[in-house]
Amino acid sequence: MKIKYDQEADVLIIILKDEPPQDAIEEPGGIIVSYTQDGKPVSVEFLNASLHGIVNKDEIDVFLQTLKSAAL
């Protein structure tokens, strides 16, 4: 997984797989989800990330935590 932020464009991109996207769906609020040909998610883009409060341009911290799934 890769996380990229383009400060000039104000776009946060989370790349889930290194596969070329074949399709994309724009969700409300400026969120674009890209998919492989077989419907698996490849990336999620957040447009105008700082305006939506997702990113603070003055202070960018990334925290990655692995969550353990609960036993069912």
PDB file of N, CA and C in Angstrom:
ATOM      1  N   MET A   1       0.848  -1.167   0.000  1.00  0.00           N
ATOM      2  CA  MET A   1       0.000   0.000   0.000  1.00  0.00           C
ATOM      3  C   MET A   1       0.898   1.235   0.000  1.00  0.00           C
ATOM      4  N   LYS A   2       0.484   2.239  -0.761  1.00  0.00           N
ATOM      5  CA  LYS A   2       1.203   3.498  -0.822  1.00  0.00           C
ATOM      6  C   LYS A   2       0.214   4.629  -0.554  1.00  0.00           C
ATOM      7  N   ILE A   3       0.698   5.660   0.104  1.00  0.00           N
ATOM      8  CA  ILE A   3      -0.112   6.842   0.353  1.00  0.00           C
ATOM      9  C   ILE A   3       0.647   8.035  -0.204  1.00  0.00           C
ATOM     10  N   LYS A   4      -0.022   8.810  -1.052  1.00  0.00           N
ATOM     11  CA  LYS A   4       0.600   9.981  -1.661  1.00  0.00           C
ATOM     12  C   LYS A   4      -0.304  11.186  -1.434  1.00  0.00           C
ATOM     13  N   TYR A   5       0.326  12.337  -1.212  1.00  0.00           N
ATOM     14  CA  TYR A   5      -0.434  13.576  -1.106  1.00  0.00           C
ATOM     15  C   TYR A   5       0.206  14.608  -2.011  1.00  0.00           C
ATOM     16  N   ASP A   6      -0.567  15.156  -2.926  1.00  0.00           N
ATOM     17  CA  ASP A   6      -0.112  16.223  -3.815  1.00  0.00           C
ATOM     18  C   ASP A   6      -0.647  17.526  -3.242  1.00  0.00           C
ATOM     19  N   GLN A   7       0.259  18.289  -2.597  1.00  0.00           N
ATOM     20  CA  GLN A   7      -0.163  19.510  -1.921  1.00  0.00           C
ATOM     21  C   GLN A   7      -0.674  20.556  -2.902  1.00  0.00           C
ATOM     22  N   GLU A   8      -0.056  20.639  -4.068  1.00  0.00           N
ATOM     23  CA  GLU A   8      -0.480  21.631  -5.062  1.00  0.00           C
ATOM     24  C   GLU A   8      -1.887  21.341  -5.578  1.00  0.00           C
ATOM     25  N   ALA A   9      -2.180  20.076  -5.845  1.00  0.00           N
ATOM     26  CA  ALA A   9      -3.505  19.683  -6.337  1.00  0.00           C
ATOM     27  C   ALA A   9      -4.481  19.420  -5.194  1.00  0.00           C
ATOM     28  N   ASP A  10      -3.958  19.295  -3.962  1.00  0.00           N
ATOM     29  CA  ASP A  10      -4.753  18.988  -2.777  1.00  0.00           C
ATOM     30  C   ASP A  10      -5.507  17.670  -2.942  1.00  0.00           C
ATOM     31  N   VAL A  11      -4.753  16.636  -3.358  1.00  0.00           N
ATOM     32  CA  VAL A  11      -5.331  15.314  -3.582  1.00  0.00           C
ATOM     33  C   VAL A  11      -4.555  14.287  -2.759  1.00  0.00           C
ATOM     34  N   LEU A  12      -5.287  13.508  -1.976  1.00  0.00           N
ATOM     35  CA  LEU A  12      -4.716  12.402  -1.218  1.00  0.00           C
ATOM     36  C   LEU A  12      -5.075  11.114  -1.941  1.00  0.00           C
ATOM     37  N   ILE A  13      -4.067  10.285  -2.234  1.00  0.00           N
ATOM     38  CA  ILE A  13      -4.299   9.032  -2.959  1.00  0.00           C
ATOM     39  C   ILE A  13      -3.784   7.873  -2.111  1.00  0.00           C
ATOM     40  N   ILE A  14      -4.631   6.887  -1.930  1.00  0.00           N
ATOM     41  CA  ILE A  14      -4.234   5.645  -1.265  1.00  0.00           C
ATOM     42  C   ILE A  14      -4.222   4.567  -2.334  1.00  0.00           C
ATOM     43  N   ILE A  15      -3.035   4.050  -2.642  1.00  0.00           N
ATOM     44  CA  ILE A  15      -2.884   3.015  -3.665  1.00  0.00           C
ATOM     45  C   ILE A  15      -2.851   1.664  -2.954  1.00  0.00           C
ATOM     46  N   LEU A  16      -3.834   0.848  -3.238  1.00  0.00           N
ATOM     47  CA  LEU A  16      -3.978  -0.437  -2.569  1.00  0.00           C
ATOM     48  C   LEU A  16      -3.213  -1.558  -3.263  1.00  0.00           C
ATOM     49  N   LYS A  17      -3.155  -1.501  -4.590  1.00  0.00           N
ATOM     50  CA  LYS A  17      -2.480  -2.539  -5.390  1.00  0.00           C
ATOM     51  C   LYS A  17      -1.751  -1.884  -6.541  1.00  0.00           C
ATOM     52  N   ASP A  18      -0.627  -2.462  -6.943  1.00  0.00           N
ATOM     53  CA  ASP A  18       0.107  -1.968  -8.109  1.00  0.00           C
ATOM     54  C   ASP A  18      -0.423  -2.632  -9.374  1.00  0.00           C
ATOM     55  N   GLU A  19      -1.692  -2.395  -9.641  1.00  0.00           N
ATOM     56  CA  GLU A  19      -2.340  -2.907 -10.847  1.00  0.00           C
ATOM     57  C   GLU A  19      -3.001  -1.733 -11.556  1.00  0.00           C
ATOM     58  N   PRO A  20      -3.010  -1.737 -12.870  1.00  0.00           N
ATOM     59  CA  PRO A  20      -3.650  -0.627 -13.578  1.00  0.00           C
ATOM     60  C   PRO A  20      -5.170  -0.664 -13.400  1.00  0.00           C
ATOM     61  N   PRO A  21      -5.761   0.479 -13.087  1.00  0.00           N
ATOM     62  CA  PRO A  21      -7.218   0.510 -12.946  1.00  0.00           C
ATOM     63  C   PRO A  21      -7.906   0.403 -14.298  1.00  0.00           C
ATOM     64  N   GLN A  22      -9.052  -0.258 -14.306  1.00  0.00           N
ATOM     65  CA  GLN A  22      -9.840  -0.417 -15.526  1.00  0.00           C
ATOM     66  C   GLN A  22     -11.127   0.387 -15.475  1.00  0.00           C
ATOM     67  N   ASP A  23     -11.547   0.749 -14.258  1.00  0.00           N
ATOM     68  CA  ASP A  23     -12.795   1.463 -14.082  1.00  0.00           C
ATOM     69  C   ASP A  23     -12.682   2.331 -12.838  1.00  0.00           C
ATOM     70  N   ALA A  24     -13.463   3.380 -12.767  1.00  0.00           N
ATOM     71  CA  ALA A  24     -13.469   4.255 -11.598  1.00  0.00           C
ATOM     72  C   ALA A  24     -14.878   4.771 -11.365  1.00  0.00           C
ATOM     73  N   ILE A  25     -15.195   4.957 -10.101  1.00  0.00           N
ATOM     74  CA  ILE A  25     -16.496   5.487  -9.712  1.00  0.00           C
ATOM     75  C   ILE A  25     -16.250   6.690  -8.809  1.00  0.00           C
ATOM     76  N   GLU A  26     -16.894   7.811  -9.132  1.00  0.00           N
ATOM     77  CA  GLU A  26     -16.784   8.996  -8.279  1.00  0.00           C
ATOM     78  C   GLU A  26     -17.939   8.994  -7.294  1.00  0.00           C
ATOM     79  N   GLU A  27     -17.584   8.986  -6.029  1.00  0.00           N
ATOM     80  CA  GLU A  27     -18.562   9.001  -4.953  1.00  0.00           C
ATOM     81  C   GLU A  27     -18.847  10.451  -4.558  1.00  0.00           C
ATOM     82  N   PRO A  28     -19.932  10.698  -3.857  1.00  0.00           N
ATOM     83  CA  PRO A  28     -20.211  12.063  -3.386  1.00  0.00           C
ATOM     84  C   PRO A  28     -19.079  12.576  -2.497  1.00  0.00           C
ATOM     85  N   GLY A  29     -18.823  13.875  -2.565  1.00  0.00           N
ATOM     86  CA  GLY A  29     -17.804  14.479  -1.725  1.00  0.00           C
ATOM     87  C   GLY A  29     -16.412  14.458  -2.328  1.00  0.00           C
ATOM     88  N   GLY A  30     -16.303  14.115  -3.613  1.00  0.00           N
ATOM     89  CA  GLY A  30     -15.002  14.135  -4.272  1.00  0.00           C
ATOM     90  C   GLY A  30     -14.115  12.952  -3.951  1.00  0.00           C
ATOM     91  N   ILE A  31     -14.695  11.772  -3.836  1.00  0.00           N
ATOM     92  CA  ILE A  31     -13.941  10.545  -3.591  1.00  0.00           C
ATOM     93  C   ILE A  31     -14.044   9.689  -4.842  1.00  0.00           C
ATOM     94  N   ILE A  32     -12.883   9.262  -5.348  1.00  0.00           N
ATOM     95  CA  ILE A  32     -12.850   8.426  -6.554  1.00  0.00           C
ATOM     96  C   ILE A  32     -12.236   7.081  -6.191  1.00  0.00           C
ATOM     97  N   VAL A  33     -12.967   6.009  -6.462  1.00  0.00           N
ATOM     98  CA  VAL A  33     -12.486   4.656  -6.212  1.00  0.00           C
ATOM     99  C   VAL A  33     -12.234   3.998  -7.561  1.00  0.00           C
ATOM    100  N   SER A  34     -11.004   3.510  -7.754  1.00  0.00           N
ATOM    101  CA  SER A  34     -10.634   2.834  -9.006  1.00  0.00           C
ATOM    102  C   SER A  34     -10.593   1.329  -8.769  1.00  0.00           C
ATOM    103  N   TYR A  35     -10.978   0.580  -9.807  1.00  0.00           N
ATOM    104  CA  TYR A  35     -11.102  -0.872  -9.702  1.00  0.00           C
ATOM    105  C   TYR A  35     -10.356  -1.580 -10.828  1.00  0.00           C
ATOM    106  N   THR A  36      -9.959  -2.843 -10.573  1.00  0.00           N
ATOM    107  CA  THR A  36      -9.399  -3.699 -11.615  1.00  0.00           C
ATOM    108  C   THR A  36     -10.535  -4.178 -12.501  1.00  0.00           C
ATOM    109  N   GLN A  37     -10.185  -4.892 -13.548  1.00  0.00           N
ATOM    110  CA  GLN A  37     -11.197  -5.411 -14.472  1.00  0.00           C
ATOM    111  C   GLN A  37     -12.155  -6.368 -13.772  1.00  0.00           C
ATOM    112  N   ASP A  38     -11.650  -7.109 -12.759  1.00  0.00           N
ATOM    113  CA  ASP A  38     -12.524  -8.047 -12.050  1.00  0.00           C
ATOM    114  C   ASP A  38     -13.180  -7.440 -10.801  1.00  0.00           C
ATOM    115  N   GLY A  39     -13.158  -6.094 -10.682  1.00  0.00           N
ATOM    116  CA  GLY A  39     -13.915  -5.407  -9.647  1.00  0.00           C
ATOM    117  C   GLY A  39     -13.236  -5.245  -8.303  1.00  0.00           C
ATOM    118  N   LYS A  40     -11.926  -5.520  -8.225  1.00  0.00           N
ATOM    119  CA  LYS A  40     -11.212  -5.343  -6.965  1.00  0.00           C
ATOM    120  C   LYS A  40     -10.700  -3.905  -6.868  1.00  0.00           C
ATOM    121  N   PRO A  41     -10.792  -3.277  -5.693  1.00  0.00           N
ATOM    122  CA  PRO A  41     -10.334  -1.891  -5.562  1.00  0.00           C
ATOM    123  C   PRO A  41      -8.821  -1.777  -5.717  1.00  0.00           C
ATOM    124  N   VAL A  42      -8.397  -0.740  -6.443  1.00  0.00           N
ATOM    125  CA  VAL A  42      -6.980  -0.484  -6.699  1.00  0.00           C
ATOM    126  C   VAL A  42      -6.518   0.753  -5.933  1.00  0.00           C
ATOM    127  N   SER A  43      -7.334   1.801  -5.942  1.00  0.00           N
ATOM    128  CA  SER A  43      -6.949   3.043  -5.267  1.00  0.00           C
ATOM    129  C   SER A  43      -8.180   3.839  -4.854  1.00  0.00           C
ATOM    130  N   VAL A  44      -7.939   4.754  -3.894  1.00  0.00           N
ATOM    131  CA  VAL A  44      -8.970   5.683  -3.444  1.00  0.00           C
ATOM    132  C   VAL A  44      -8.346   7.072  -3.468  1.00  0.00           C
ATOM    133  N   GLU A  45      -9.010   8.022  -4.135  1.00  0.00           N
ATOM    134  CA  GLU A  45      -8.524   9.394  -4.215  1.00  0.00           C
ATOM    135  C   GLU A  45      -9.499  10.312  -3.498  1.00  0.00           C
ATOM    136  N   PHE A  46      -8.952  11.230  -2.716  1.00  0.00           N
ATOM    137  CA  PHE A  46      -9.754  12.232  -2.022  1.00  0.00           C
ATOM    138  C   PHE A  46      -9.411  13.583  -2.622  1.00  0.00           C
ATOM    139  N   LEU A  47     -10.328  14.147  -3.405  1.00  0.00           N
ATOM    140  CA  LEU A  47     -10.114  15.454  -4.019  1.00  0.00           C
ATOM    141  C   LEU A  47     -10.387  16.544  -2.980  1.00  0.00           C
ATOM    142  N   ASN A  48      -9.669  17.656  -3.082  1.00  0.00           N
ATOM    143  CA  ASN A  48      -9.818  18.767  -2.123  1.00  0.00           C
ATOM    144  C   ASN A  48      -9.706  18.267  -0.688  1.00  0.00           C
ATOM    145  N   ALA A  49      -8.683  17.471  -0.444  1.00  0.00           N
ATOM    146  CA  ALA A  49      -8.519  16.789   0.843  1.00  0.00           C
ATOM    147  C   ALA A  49      -8.459  17.751   2.026  1.00  0.00           C
ATOM    148  N   SER A  50      -7.761  18.866   1.886  1.00  0.00           N
ATOM    149  CA  SER A  50      -7.659  19.790   3.017  1.00  0.00           C
ATOM    150  C   SER A  50      -8.979  20.519   3.266  1.00  0.00           C
ATOM    151  N   LEU A  51      -9.739  20.790   2.213  1.00  0.00           N
ATOM    152  CA  LEU A  51     -11.030  21.457   2.389  1.00  0.00           C
ATOM    153  C   LEU A  51     -12.032  20.575   3.130  1.00  0.00           C
ATOM    154  N   HIS A  52     -11.885  19.253   2.980  1.00  0.00           N
ATOM    155  CA  HIS A  52     -12.782  18.310   3.651  1.00  0.00           C
ATOM    156  C   HIS A  52     -12.259  17.891   5.022  1.00  0.00           C
ATOM    157  N   GLY A  53     -11.097  18.446   5.429  1.00  0.00           N
ATOM    158  CA  GLY A  53     -10.540  18.126   6.742  1.00  0.00           C
ATOM    159  C   GLY A  53      -9.810  16.800   6.811  1.00  0.00           C
ATOM    160  N   ILE A  54      -9.518  16.193   5.668  1.00  0.00           N
ATOM    161  CA  ILE A  54      -8.813  14.914   5.652  1.00  0.00           C
ATOM    162  C   ILE A  54      -7.319  15.129   5.871  1.00  0.00           C
ATOM    163  N   VAL A  55      -6.795  16.226   5.332  1.00  0.00           N
ATOM    164  CA  VAL A  55      -5.374  16.562   5.420  1.00  0.00           C
ATOM    165  C   VAL A  55      -5.247  17.996   5.899  1.00  0.00           C
ATOM    166  N   ASN A  56      -4.312  18.226   6.813  1.00  0.00           N
ATOM    167  CA  ASN A  56      -3.954  19.575   7.218  1.00  0.00           C
ATOM    168  C   ASN A  56      -2.654  19.899   6.493  1.00  0.00           C
ATOM    169  N   LYS A  57      -2.701  20.817   5.525  1.00  0.00           N
ATOM    170  CA  LYS A  57      -1.527  21.116   4.699  1.00  0.00           C
ATOM    171  C   LYS A  57      -0.317  21.554   5.516  1.00  0.00           C
ATOM    172  N   ASP A  58      -0.539  22.166   6.670  1.00  0.00           N
ATOM    173  CA  ASP A  58       0.568  22.656   7.483  1.00  0.00           C
ATOM    174  C   ASP A  58       1.216  21.565   8.329  1.00  0.00           C
ATOM    175  N   GLU A  59       0.517  20.489   8.541  1.00  0.00           N
ATOM    176  CA  GLU A  59       1.033  19.426   9.404  1.00  0.00           C
ATOM    177  C   GLU A  59       0.558  18.084   8.859  1.00  0.00           C
ATOM    178  N   ILE A  60       1.449  17.385   8.196  1.00  0.00           N
ATOM    179  CA  ILE A  60       1.084  16.096   7.618  1.00  0.00           C
ATOM    180  C   ILE A  60       1.809  14.995   8.380  1.00  0.00           C
ATOM    181  N   ASP A  61       1.044  14.179   9.075  1.00  0.00           N
ATOM    182  CA  ASP A  61       1.558  13.023   9.792  1.00  0.00           C
ATOM    183  C   ASP A  61       0.848  11.791   9.249  1.00  0.00           C
ATOM    184  N   VAL A  62       1.582  10.715   9.101  1.00  0.00           N
ATOM    185  CA  VAL A  62       0.979   9.458   8.658  1.00  0.00           C
ATOM    186  C   VAL A  62       1.202   8.433   9.753  1.00  0.00           C
ATOM    187  N   PHE A  63       0.122   7.785  10.166  1.00  0.00           N
ATOM    188  CA  PHE A  63       0.183   6.766  11.201  1.00  0.00           C
ATOM    189  C   PHE A  63      -0.468   5.517  10.628  1.00  0.00           C
ATOM    190  N   LEU A  64       0.276   4.444  10.581  1.00  0.00           N
ATOM    191  CA  LEU A  64      -0.245   3.187  10.054  1.00  0.00           C
ATOM    192  C   LEU A  64      -0.318   2.189  11.183  1.00  0.00           C
ATOM    193  N   GLN A  65      -1.488   1.628  11.389  1.00  0.00           N
ATOM    194  CA  GLN A  65      -1.684   0.661  12.444  1.00  0.00           C
ATOM    195  C   GLN A  65      -2.317  -0.590  11.859  1.00  0.00           C
ATOM    196  N   THR A  66      -1.756  -1.733  12.181  1.00  0.00           N
ATOM    197  CA  THR A  66      -2.332  -2.990  11.746  1.00  0.00           C
ATOM    198  C   THR A  66      -3.340  -3.433  12.787  1.00  0.00           C
ATOM    199  N   LEU A  67      -4.564  -3.632  12.335  1.00  0.00           N
ATOM    200  CA  LEU A  67      -5.621  -4.045  13.244  1.00  0.00           C
ATOM    201  C   LEU A  67      -5.837  -5.543  13.134  1.00  0.00           C
ATOM    202  N   LYS A  68      -5.963  -6.200  14.261  1.00  0.00           N
ATOM    203  CA  LYS A  68      -6.232  -7.629  14.268  1.00  0.00           C
ATOM    204  C   LYS A  68      -7.731  -7.822  14.205  1.00  0.00           C
ATOM    205  N   SER A  69      -8.180  -8.690  13.323  1.00  0.00           N
ATOM    206  CA  SER A  69      -9.617  -8.942  13.231  1.00  0.00           C
ATOM    207  C   SER A  69     -10.058  -9.803  14.404  1.00  0.00           C
ATOM    208  N   ALA A  70     -11.240  -9.524  14.866  1.00  0.00           N
ATOM    209  CA  ALA A  70     -11.795 -10.281  16.005  1.00  0.00           C
ATOM    210  C   ALA A  70     -12.219 -11.657  15.531  1.00  0.00           C
ATOM    211  N   ALA A  71     -12.016 -12.629  16.359  1.00  0.00           N
ATOM    212  CA  ALA A  71     -12.439 -13.997  16.041  1.00  0.00           C
ATOM    213  C   ALA A  71     -13.949 -14.067  16.028  1.00  0.00           C
ATOM    214  N   LEU A  72     -14.491 -14.703  15.003  1.00  0.00           N
ATOM    215  CA  LEU A  72     -15.954 -14.802  14.877  1.00  0.00           C
ATOM    216  C   LEU A  72     -16.462 -16.071  15.456  1.00  0.00           C
TER     217      LEU A  72
END
